[in-house]
Amino acid sequence: MMFLTRLKAVRYIFLDVDGVLTNGQILVTETGEQLRTFHVKDGYAIQYAVRAGLFIFIITGGRSLGVQKRFEALGVTEIHLGISDKAAVLEKLRGKYNFQAHECLFIGDDMPDYTCMREVGVAVCPADAVEEIKAISHYVSTKRGGEGVVRDILEKIIKLQGNWHPDTYIKSL
């Protein structure tokens, strides 16, 4: 399968937040604070991927301190919040890390992710992504946003690259 072959070369994973790592719903408190929920299995897979030598990048339009703290705690060092032009950030990171398109995977769910998903070697989306994103994706996960879509793909990548070791436990945060 061409998709699985492509995953073997992936070293750089770009993740949208709302609708991918969350279910897309935002709870707004009386004080205006915005709360999101994350799937613990996605968090574990992100930690595992970082330790396996993969580069994880967060690129989101949201501006939540909670999101920043969550991904810092998981070992992610490239967290880009409040981004309206995700393609510009992708290009900046290409200059910094000197990666090729075939080494990159982007998981997105909606139109702000479209351009980036067209520029990487592997485009992935959750089952509930918008139709335009599904149409350009190499893989549509069976998982919906916030329900383990990131775990689904990261585990596939790590296993294909021979770095998934069931007897290795990483303390999840």
N, C-alpha and C. Protein backbone atom coordinates (compact mmCIF):
# COMPACT_ATOMS: atom_id res chain seq x y z
N MET A 1 0.85 -1.19 0.00
CA MET A 1 0.00 0.00 0.00
C MET A 1 0.89 1.25 0.00
N MET A 2 0.62 2.14 -0.89
CA MET A 2 1.41 3.34 -1.05
C MET A 2 1.43 4.20 0.23
N PHE A 3 0.30 4.30 0.89
CA PHE A 3 0.20 5.12 2.10
C PHE A 3 1.18 4.63 3.17
N LEU A 4 1.21 3.34 3.42
CA LEU A 4 2.10 2.80 4.44
C LEU A 4 3.57 2.99 4.07
N THR A 5 3.88 2.87 2.80
CA THR A 5 5.25 3.11 2.34
C THR A 5 5.64 4.55 2.62
N ARG A 6 4.75 5.48 2.39
CA ARG A 6 5.02 6.90 2.66
C ARG A 6 5.31 7.15 4.13
N LEU A 7 4.63 6.43 5.01
CA LEU A 7 4.81 6.64 6.45
C LEU A 7 6.22 6.30 6.93
N LYS A 8 6.87 5.37 6.26
CA LYS A 8 8.22 4.97 6.68
C LYS A 8 9.21 6.13 6.62
N ALA A 9 9.00 7.08 5.72
CA ALA A 9 9.92 8.21 5.56
C ALA A 9 9.57 9.41 6.45
N VAL A 10 8.42 9.37 7.12
CA VAL A 10 7.96 10.53 7.90
C VAL A 10 8.80 10.71 9.17
N ARG A 11 9.30 11.92 9.36
CA ARG A 11 10.03 12.28 10.58
C ARG A 11 9.47 13.56 11.21
N TYR A 12 8.69 14.31 10.45
CA TYR A 12 8.18 15.61 10.89
C TYR A 12 6.66 15.58 10.82
N ILE A 13 6.02 15.73 11.99
CA ILE A 13 4.57 15.64 12.07
C ILE A 13 4.01 16.98 12.52
N PHE A 14 3.12 17.51 11.71
CA PHE A 14 2.47 18.80 11.99
C PHE A 14 1.03 18.53 12.40
N LEU A 15 0.64 19.12 13.52
CA LEU A 15 -0.69 18.88 14.06
C LEU A 15 -1.46 20.17 14.26
N ASP A 16 -2.68 20.19 13.75
CA ASP A 16 -3.64 21.21 14.11
C ASP A 16 -4.18 20.80 15.48
N VAL A 17 -4.82 21.70 16.20
CA VAL A 17 -5.34 21.36 17.52
C VAL A 17 -6.85 21.16 17.48
N ASP A 18 -7.59 22.24 17.28
CA ASP A 18 -9.05 22.16 17.36
C ASP A 18 -9.62 21.36 16.19
N GLY A 19 -10.32 20.27 16.52
CA GLY A 19 -10.88 19.39 15.51
C GLY A 19 -9.99 18.21 15.18
N VAL A 20 -8.73 18.24 15.65
CA VAL A 20 -7.81 17.12 15.46
C VAL A 20 -7.46 16.53 16.81
N LEU A 21 -6.81 17.32 17.66
CA LEU A 21 -6.47 16.87 19.01
C LEU A 21 -7.62 17.10 19.99
N THR A 22 -8.60 17.87 19.57
CA THR A 22 -9.82 18.06 20.36
C THR A 22 -11.01 17.71 19.47
N ASN A 23 -12.18 17.66 20.05
CA ASN A 23 -13.38 17.37 19.26
C ASN A 23 -13.92 18.62 18.57
N GLY A 24 -13.21 19.72 18.73
CA GLY A 24 -13.62 20.96 18.08
C GLY A 24 -14.54 21.82 18.92
N GLN A 25 -14.97 21.30 20.05
CA GLN A 25 -15.83 22.10 20.92
C GLN A 25 -14.97 22.87 21.91
N ILE A 26 -15.38 24.11 22.18
CA ILE A 26 -14.67 24.95 23.14
C ILE A 26 -15.68 25.40 24.19
N LEU A 27 -15.37 25.10 25.44
CA LEU A 27 -16.20 25.53 26.55
C LEU A 27 -15.68 26.88 27.01
N VAL A 28 -16.54 27.89 26.97
CA VAL A 28 -16.14 29.23 27.38
C VAL A 28 -16.75 29.50 28.76
N THR A 29 -15.87 29.79 29.73
CA THR A 29 -16.34 30.06 31.09
C THR A 29 -16.89 31.48 31.19
N GLU A 30 -17.51 31.80 32.31
CA GLU A 30 -18.06 33.14 32.54
C GLU A 30 -16.99 34.22 32.47
N THR A 31 -15.74 33.86 32.77
CA THR A 31 -14.65 34.84 32.73
C THR A 31 -14.01 34.92 31.34
N GLY A 32 -14.51 34.12 30.40
CA GLY A 32 -14.00 34.16 29.03
C GLY A 32 -12.89 33.15 28.75
N GLU A 33 -12.52 32.37 29.77
CA GLU A 33 -11.49 31.35 29.56
C GLU A 33 -12.04 30.26 28.65
N GLN A 34 -11.21 29.80 27.73
CA GLN A 34 -11.63 28.77 26.79
C GLN A 34 -11.01 27.43 27.18
N LEU A 35 -11.85 26.44 27.38
CA LEU A 35 -11.40 25.12 27.83
C LEU A 35 -11.61 24.08 26.73
N ARG A 36 -10.62 23.20 26.60
CA ARG A 36 -10.67 22.11 25.62
C ARG A 36 -10.36 20.80 26.33
N THR A 37 -10.80 19.71 25.77
CA THR A 37 -10.42 18.40 26.30
C THR A 37 -9.56 17.69 25.26
N PHE A 38 -8.57 16.94 25.76
CA PHE A 38 -7.65 16.18 24.91
C PHE A 38 -7.74 14.71 25.28
N HIS A 39 -7.52 13.86 24.30
CA HIS A 39 -7.54 12.42 24.53
C HIS A 39 -6.18 11.98 25.09
N VAL A 40 -6.18 11.28 26.19
CA VAL A 40 -4.95 10.86 26.85
C VAL A 40 -4.10 9.96 25.94
N LYS A 41 -4.73 9.17 25.09
CA LYS A 41 -3.97 8.29 24.20
C LYS A 41 -3.21 9.09 23.13
N ASP A 42 -3.76 10.22 22.70
CA ASP A 42 -3.02 11.10 21.79
C ASP A 42 -1.78 11.65 22.51
N GLY A 43 -1.96 12.05 23.76
CA GLY A 43 -0.84 12.58 24.55
C GLY A 43 0.26 11.56 24.73
N TYR A 44 -0.12 10.34 25.04
CA TYR A 44 0.88 9.28 25.21
C TYR A 44 1.64 9.05 23.91
N ALA A 45 0.92 9.01 22.79
CA ALA A 45 1.56 8.78 21.50
C ALA A 45 2.50 9.92 21.13
N ILE A 46 2.14 11.15 21.47
CA ILE A 46 3.02 12.29 21.21
C ILE A 46 4.30 12.15 22.00
N GLN A 47 4.20 11.83 23.27
CA GLN A 47 5.40 11.62 24.10
C GLN A 47 6.26 10.50 23.51
N TYR A 48 5.64 9.42 23.13
CA TYR A 48 6.35 8.26 22.59
C TYR A 48 7.06 8.65 21.29
N ALA A 49 6.37 9.40 20.44
CA ALA A 49 6.94 9.83 19.16
C ALA A 49 8.16 10.72 19.37
N VAL A 50 8.08 11.64 20.31
CA VAL A 50 9.21 12.53 20.61
C VAL A 50 10.40 11.70 21.06
N ARG A 51 10.16 10.74 21.94
CA ARG A 51 11.25 9.89 22.42
C ARG A 51 11.79 8.96 21.34
N ALA A 52 10.96 8.68 20.33
CA ALA A 52 11.40 7.82 19.22
C ALA A 52 12.15 8.62 18.15
N GLY A 53 12.31 9.93 18.39
CA GLY A 53 13.08 10.76 17.48
C GLY A 53 12.30 11.48 16.41
N LEU A 54 10.98 11.45 16.50
CA LEU A 54 10.16 12.20 15.55
C LEU A 54 10.02 13.65 16.04
N PHE A 55 9.82 14.55 15.10
CA PHE A 55 9.63 15.96 15.42
C PHE A 55 8.15 16.27 15.35
N ILE A 56 7.61 16.80 16.43
CA ILE A 56 6.19 17.14 16.50
C ILE A 56 6.06 18.66 16.52
N PHE A 57 5.21 19.19 15.64
CA PHE A 57 4.96 20.62 15.55
C PHE A 57 3.47 20.88 15.72
N ILE A 58 3.14 21.83 16.57
CA ILE A 58 1.76 22.25 16.74
C ILE A 58 1.61 23.58 16.00
N ILE A 59 0.62 23.64 15.10
CA ILE A 59 0.31 24.89 14.39
C ILE A 59 -1.20 25.07 14.47
N THR A 60 -1.62 26.08 15.23
CA THR A 60 -3.05 26.27 15.47
C THR A 60 -3.43 27.75 15.44
N GLY A 61 -4.65 27.98 15.08
CA GLY A 61 -5.18 29.34 15.12
C GLY A 61 -5.55 29.76 16.53
N GLY A 62 -5.75 28.78 17.42
CA GLY A 62 -6.12 29.08 18.81
C GLY A 62 -4.98 29.73 19.59
N ARG A 63 -5.34 30.41 20.67
CA ARG A 63 -4.34 31.12 21.48
C ARG A 63 -4.48 30.77 22.96
N SER A 64 -4.52 29.53 23.29
CA SER A 64 -4.77 29.11 24.66
C SER A 64 -3.49 28.77 25.42
N LEU A 65 -3.33 29.36 26.60
CA LEU A 65 -2.19 29.03 27.45
C LEU A 65 -2.27 27.56 27.87
N GLY A 66 -3.47 27.05 28.06
CA GLY A 66 -3.65 25.64 28.41
C GLY A 66 -3.10 24.72 27.32
N VAL A 67 -3.32 25.08 26.07
CA VAL A 67 -2.79 24.29 24.95
C VAL A 67 -1.26 24.32 24.99
N GLN A 68 -0.71 25.50 25.19
CA GLN A 68 0.76 25.65 25.27
C GLN A 68 1.32 24.75 26.36
N LYS A 69 0.74 24.81 27.55
CA LYS A 69 1.24 24.03 28.69
C LYS A 69 1.09 22.53 28.45
N ARG A 70 -0.01 22.13 27.84
CA ARG A 70 -0.25 20.70 27.57
C ARG A 70 0.86 20.14 26.70
N PHE A 71 1.19 20.83 25.62
CA PHE A 71 2.18 20.28 24.68
C PHE A 71 3.60 20.44 25.18
N GLU A 72 3.86 21.47 25.96
CA GLU A 72 5.18 21.58 26.59
C GLU A 72 5.40 20.39 27.52
N ALA A 73 4.36 20.04 28.28
CA ALA A 73 4.46 18.91 29.21
C ALA A 73 4.68 17.58 28.48
N LEU A 74 4.24 17.50 27.23
CA LEU A 74 4.42 16.27 26.44
C LEU A 74 5.76 16.24 25.71
N GLY A 75 6.56 17.30 25.85
CA GLY A 75 7.87 17.32 25.23
C GLY A 75 7.93 17.99 23.86
N VAL A 76 6.84 18.64 23.46
CA VAL A 76 6.82 19.34 22.17
C VAL A 76 7.48 20.71 22.36
N THR A 77 8.43 21.03 21.51
CA THR A 77 9.14 22.31 21.63
C THR A 77 8.69 23.34 20.60
N GLU A 78 8.09 22.90 19.50
CA GLU A 78 7.62 23.82 18.46
C GLU A 78 6.10 23.93 18.55
N ILE A 79 5.64 24.94 19.28
CA ILE A 79 4.21 25.16 19.49
C ILE A 79 3.89 26.55 18.97
N HIS A 80 3.11 26.61 17.91
CA HIS A 80 2.79 27.87 17.25
C HIS A 80 1.30 28.16 17.40
N LEU A 81 0.98 29.13 18.25
CA LEU A 81 -0.40 29.48 18.56
C LEU A 81 -0.80 30.77 17.85
N GLY A 82 -2.10 30.95 17.62
CA GLY A 82 -2.62 32.18 17.04
C GLY A 82 -2.18 32.38 15.59
N ILE A 83 -2.02 31.30 14.87
CA ILE A 83 -1.50 31.37 13.50
C ILE A 83 -2.65 31.47 12.50
N SER A 84 -2.63 32.53 11.70
CA SER A 84 -3.64 32.67 10.65
C SER A 84 -3.12 32.16 9.31
N ASP A 85 -1.80 32.16 9.11
CA ASP A 85 -1.19 31.65 7.88
C ASP A 85 -0.29 30.46 8.23
N LYS A 86 -0.89 29.28 8.28
CA LYS A 86 -0.15 28.08 8.67
C LYS A 86 0.93 27.72 7.65
N ALA A 87 0.69 28.00 6.38
CA ALA A 87 1.68 27.69 5.34
C ALA A 87 2.96 28.50 5.54
N ALA A 88 2.84 29.73 6.02
CA ALA A 88 4.03 30.56 6.27
C ALA A 88 4.86 29.95 7.40
N VAL A 89 4.20 29.42 8.43
CA VAL A 89 4.90 28.78 9.54
C VAL A 89 5.57 27.49 9.04
N LEU A 90 4.88 26.72 8.24
CA LEU A 90 5.45 25.50 7.66
C LEU A 90 6.72 25.84 6.88
N GLU A 91 6.68 26.90 6.09
CA GLU A 91 7.83 27.30 5.29
C GLU A 91 8.99 27.76 6.18
N LYS A 92 8.68 28.49 7.23
CA LYS A 92 9.71 28.94 8.18
C LYS A 92 10.38 27.73 8.85
N LEU A 93 9.58 26.74 9.23
CA LEU A 93 10.12 25.54 9.86
C LEU A 93 10.93 24.71 8.87
N ARG A 94 10.55 24.73 7.60
CA ARG A 94 11.32 24.04 6.56
C ARG A 94 12.73 24.63 6.49
N GLY A 95 12.82 25.95 6.58
CA GLY A 95 14.12 26.61 6.59
C GLY A 95 14.93 26.27 7.83
N LYS A 96 14.28 26.19 8.97
CA LYS A 96 14.97 25.90 10.23
C LYS A 96 15.46 24.46 10.31
N TYR A 97 14.62 23.50 9.88
CA TYR A 97 14.94 22.07 10.03
C TYR A 97 15.44 21.42 8.74
N ASN A 98 15.32 22.12 7.64
CA ASN A 98 15.81 21.64 6.35
C ASN A 98 15.23 20.27 5.97
N PHE A 99 13.90 20.13 6.09
CA PHE A 99 13.26 18.87 5.73
C PHE A 99 12.70 18.92 4.31
N GLN A 100 12.45 17.74 3.78
CA GLN A 100 11.84 17.59 2.47
C GLN A 100 10.36 17.25 2.65
N ALA A 101 9.55 17.56 1.66
CA ALA A 101 8.10 17.33 1.76
C ALA A 101 7.77 15.88 2.08
N HIS A 102 8.49 14.91 1.48
CA HIS A 102 8.16 13.49 1.68
C HIS A 102 8.41 13.03 3.12
N GLU A 103 9.14 13.83 3.91
CA GLU A 103 9.41 13.49 5.31
C GLU A 103 8.34 14.05 6.25
N CYS A 104 7.38 14.77 5.70
CA CYS A 104 6.40 15.50 6.52
C CYS A 104 4.99 14.94 6.40
N LEU A 105 4.30 14.98 7.52
CA LEU A 105 2.90 14.58 7.60
C LEU A 105 2.15 15.69 8.31
N PHE A 106 0.98 16.04 7.81
CA PHE A 106 0.15 17.06 8.44
C PHE A 106 -1.21 16.46 8.72
N ILE A 107 -1.68 16.64 9.96
CA ILE A 107 -3.03 16.20 10.31
C ILE A 107 -3.88 17.45 10.51
N GLY A 108 -4.87 17.60 9.66
CA GLY A 108 -5.77 18.75 9.73
C GLY A 108 -7.20 18.31 9.50
N ASP A 109 -8.12 19.23 9.77
CA ASP A 109 -9.53 18.88 9.65
C ASP A 109 -10.38 19.91 8.92
N ASP A 110 -9.82 21.12 8.68
CA ASP A 110 -10.67 22.17 8.13
C ASP A 110 -9.85 23.05 7.18
N MET A 111 -10.49 23.98 6.55
CA MET A 111 -9.90 24.77 5.48
C MET A 111 -8.60 25.51 5.84
N PRO A 112 -8.40 25.99 7.07
CA PRO A 112 -7.10 26.63 7.37
C PRO A 112 -5.91 25.67 7.22
N ASP A 113 -6.16 24.37 7.16
CA ASP A 113 -5.10 23.36 7.03
C ASP A 113 -4.85 22.96 5.58
N TYR A 114 -5.72 23.36 4.69
CA TYR A 114 -5.72 22.89 3.30
C TYR A 114 -4.37 23.10 2.61
N THR A 115 -3.85 24.31 2.61
CA THR A 115 -2.61 24.60 1.89
C THR A 115 -1.45 23.77 2.42
N CYS A 116 -1.31 23.69 3.74
CA CYS A 116 -0.24 22.89 4.33
C CYS A 116 -0.36 21.42 3.94
N MET A 117 -1.57 20.92 3.95
CA MET A 117 -1.78 19.52 3.64
C MET A 117 -1.43 19.21 2.19
N ARG A 118 -1.52 20.21 1.32
CA ARG A 118 -1.14 20.03 -0.09
C ARG A 118 0.38 20.07 -0.27
N GLU A 119 1.11 20.63 0.72
CA GLU A 119 2.55 20.83 0.59
C GLU A 119 3.39 19.76 1.25
N VAL A 120 2.77 18.81 1.96
CA VAL A 120 3.53 17.77 2.65
C VAL A 120 3.40 16.44 1.90
N GLY A 121 4.25 15.49 2.26
CA GLY A 121 4.23 14.18 1.62
C GLY A 121 3.04 13.33 1.99
N VAL A 122 2.54 13.52 3.22
CA VAL A 122 1.40 12.73 3.68
C VAL A 122 0.39 13.65 4.38
N ALA A 123 -0.83 13.64 3.89
CA ALA A 123 -1.92 14.41 4.49
C ALA A 123 -2.89 13.44 5.14
N VAL A 124 -3.25 13.73 6.39
CA VAL A 124 -4.13 12.86 7.17
C VAL A 124 -5.22 13.72 7.80
N CYS A 125 -6.39 13.14 7.97
CA CYS A 125 -7.47 13.87 8.65
C CYS A 125 -8.31 12.92 9.49
N PRO A 126 -9.04 13.48 10.46
CA PRO A 126 -9.97 12.67 11.24
C PRO A 126 -11.22 12.34 10.41
N ALA A 127 -11.98 11.38 10.88
CA ALA A 127 -13.19 10.93 10.18
C ALA A 127 -14.21 12.04 10.00
N ASP A 128 -14.21 13.03 10.89
CA ASP A 128 -15.21 14.10 10.80
C ASP A 128 -14.66 15.39 10.21
N ALA A 129 -13.58 15.30 9.45
CA ALA A 129 -13.04 16.47 8.77
C ALA A 129 -14.03 16.95 7.70
N VAL A 130 -13.86 18.19 7.25
CA VAL A 130 -14.71 18.71 6.18
C VAL A 130 -14.36 17.98 4.88
N GLU A 131 -15.30 17.96 3.96
CA GLU A 131 -15.15 17.18 2.73
C GLU A 131 -13.94 17.58 1.90
N GLU A 132 -13.62 18.88 1.81
CA GLU A 132 -12.47 19.32 1.02
C GLU A 132 -11.16 18.75 1.57
N ILE A 133 -11.07 18.62 2.88
CA ILE A 133 -9.87 18.07 3.52
C ILE A 133 -9.82 16.56 3.30
N LYS A 134 -10.94 15.88 3.42
CA LYS A 134 -10.98 14.44 3.15
C LYS A 134 -10.53 14.16 1.72
N ALA A 135 -10.94 15.01 0.78
CA ALA A 135 -10.64 14.80 -0.63
C ALA A 135 -9.14 14.86 -0.94
N ILE A 136 -8.35 15.62 -0.16
CA ILE A 136 -6.92 15.73 -0.43
C ILE A 136 -6.07 14.87 0.51
N SER A 137 -6.72 14.15 1.42
CA SER A 137 -5.99 13.34 2.39
C SER A 137 -5.59 11.99 1.82
N HIS A 138 -4.38 11.56 2.18
CA HIS A 138 -3.91 10.23 1.81
C HIS A 138 -4.53 9.17 2.72
N TYR A 139 -4.96 9.62 3.90
CA TYR A 139 -5.55 8.70 4.87
C TYR A 139 -6.60 9.46 5.68
N VAL A 140 -7.79 8.90 5.75
CA VAL A 140 -8.86 9.42 6.60
C VAL A 140 -8.99 8.42 7.74
N SER A 141 -8.64 8.86 8.94
CA SER A 141 -8.69 7.98 10.11
C SER A 141 -10.13 7.54 10.39
N THR A 142 -10.26 6.41 11.01
CA THR A 142 -11.58 5.97 11.48
C THR A 142 -11.98 6.72 12.75
N LYS A 143 -11.01 7.42 13.34
CA LYS A 143 -11.25 8.17 14.58
C LYS A 143 -11.68 9.60 14.26
N ARG A 144 -12.57 10.11 15.06
CA ARG A 144 -13.00 11.51 14.94
C ARG A 144 -12.01 12.40 15.69
N GLY A 145 -12.06 13.69 15.41
CA GLY A 145 -11.20 14.64 16.11
C GLY A 145 -11.39 14.53 17.62
N GLY A 146 -10.27 14.51 18.35
CA GLY A 146 -10.33 14.42 19.80
C GLY A 146 -10.56 13.02 20.33
N GLU A 147 -10.66 12.05 19.44
CA GLU A 147 -10.96 10.68 19.86
C GLU A 147 -9.84 9.70 19.51
N GLY A 148 -8.61 10.21 19.37
CA GLY A 148 -7.47 9.34 19.17
C GLY A 148 -6.92 9.30 17.76
N VAL A 149 -7.27 10.26 16.92
CA VAL A 149 -6.77 10.28 15.55
C VAL A 149 -5.24 10.41 15.50
N VAL A 150 -4.68 11.18 16.43
CA VAL A 150 -3.22 11.36 16.46
C VAL A 150 -2.55 10.06 16.89
N ARG A 151 -3.10 9.40 17.87
CA ARG A 151 -2.56 8.10 18.29
C ARG A 151 -2.61 7.11 17.14
N ASP A 152 -3.72 7.11 16.42
CA ASP A 152 -3.91 6.21 15.29
C ASP A 152 -2.74 6.34 14.31
N ILE A 153 -2.41 7.52 13.90
CA ILE A 153 -1.38 7.70 12.88
C ILE A 153 0.03 7.59 13.46
N LEU A 154 0.27 8.15 14.65
CA LEU A 154 1.61 8.07 15.23
C LEU A 154 2.01 6.63 15.51
N GLU A 155 1.09 5.85 16.00
CA GLU A 155 1.40 4.44 16.27
C GLU A 155 1.75 3.70 14.98
N LYS A 156 1.02 3.99 13.90
CA LYS A 156 1.34 3.39 12.60
C LYS A 156 2.76 3.76 12.16
N ILE A 157 3.10 5.03 12.26
CA ILE A 157 4.43 5.50 11.85
C ILE A 157 5.51 4.82 12.68
N ILE A 158 5.35 4.85 13.98
CA ILE A 158 6.38 4.32 14.88
C ILE A 158 6.54 2.81 14.68
N LYS A 159 5.45 2.10 14.49
CA LYS A 159 5.53 0.66 14.24
C LYS A 159 6.22 0.36 12.91
N LEU A 160 5.85 1.09 11.86
CA LEU A 160 6.47 0.87 10.54
C LEU A 160 7.96 1.16 10.55
N GLN A 161 8.37 2.10 11.40
CA GLN A 161 9.78 2.47 11.49
C GLN A 161 10.54 1.58 12.47
N GLY A 162 9.84 0.61 13.06
CA GLY A 162 10.48 -0.36 13.95
C GLY A 162 10.82 0.17 15.33
N ASN A 163 10.16 1.24 15.75
CA ASN A 163 10.47 1.86 17.05
C ASN A 163 9.37 1.69 18.09
N TRP A 164 8.37 0.86 17.81
CA TRP A 164 7.28 0.63 18.77
C TRP A 164 7.65 -0.60 19.59
N HIS A 165 7.82 -0.39 20.88
CA HIS A 165 8.21 -1.49 21.76
C HIS A 165 7.19 -1.58 22.90
N PRO A 166 6.29 -2.54 22.84
CA PRO A 166 5.22 -2.65 23.83
C PRO A 166 5.71 -2.76 25.27
N ASP A 167 6.95 -3.23 25.45
CA ASP A 167 7.46 -3.37 26.82
C ASP A 167 8.08 -2.07 27.34
N THR A 168 8.09 -1.03 26.53
CA THR A 168 8.62 0.27 26.95
C THR A 168 7.46 1.15 27.40
N TYR A 169 7.48 1.48 28.66
CA TYR A 169 6.42 2.32 29.21
C TYR A 169 6.96 3.73 29.39
N ILE A 170 6.24 4.69 28.87
CA ILE A 170 6.60 6.10 29.07
C ILE A 170 5.55 6.69 29.99
N LYS A 171 5.99 7.30 31.07
CA LYS A 171 5.05 7.89 32.02
C LYS A 171 4.27 8.99 31.31
N SER A 172 2.98 8.81 31.18
CA SER A 172 2.14 9.78 30.51
C SER A 172 1.81 10.93 31.45
N LEU A 173 1.74 12.11 30.88
CA LEU A 173 1.42 13.31 31.67
C LEU A 173 -0.03 13.70 31.51
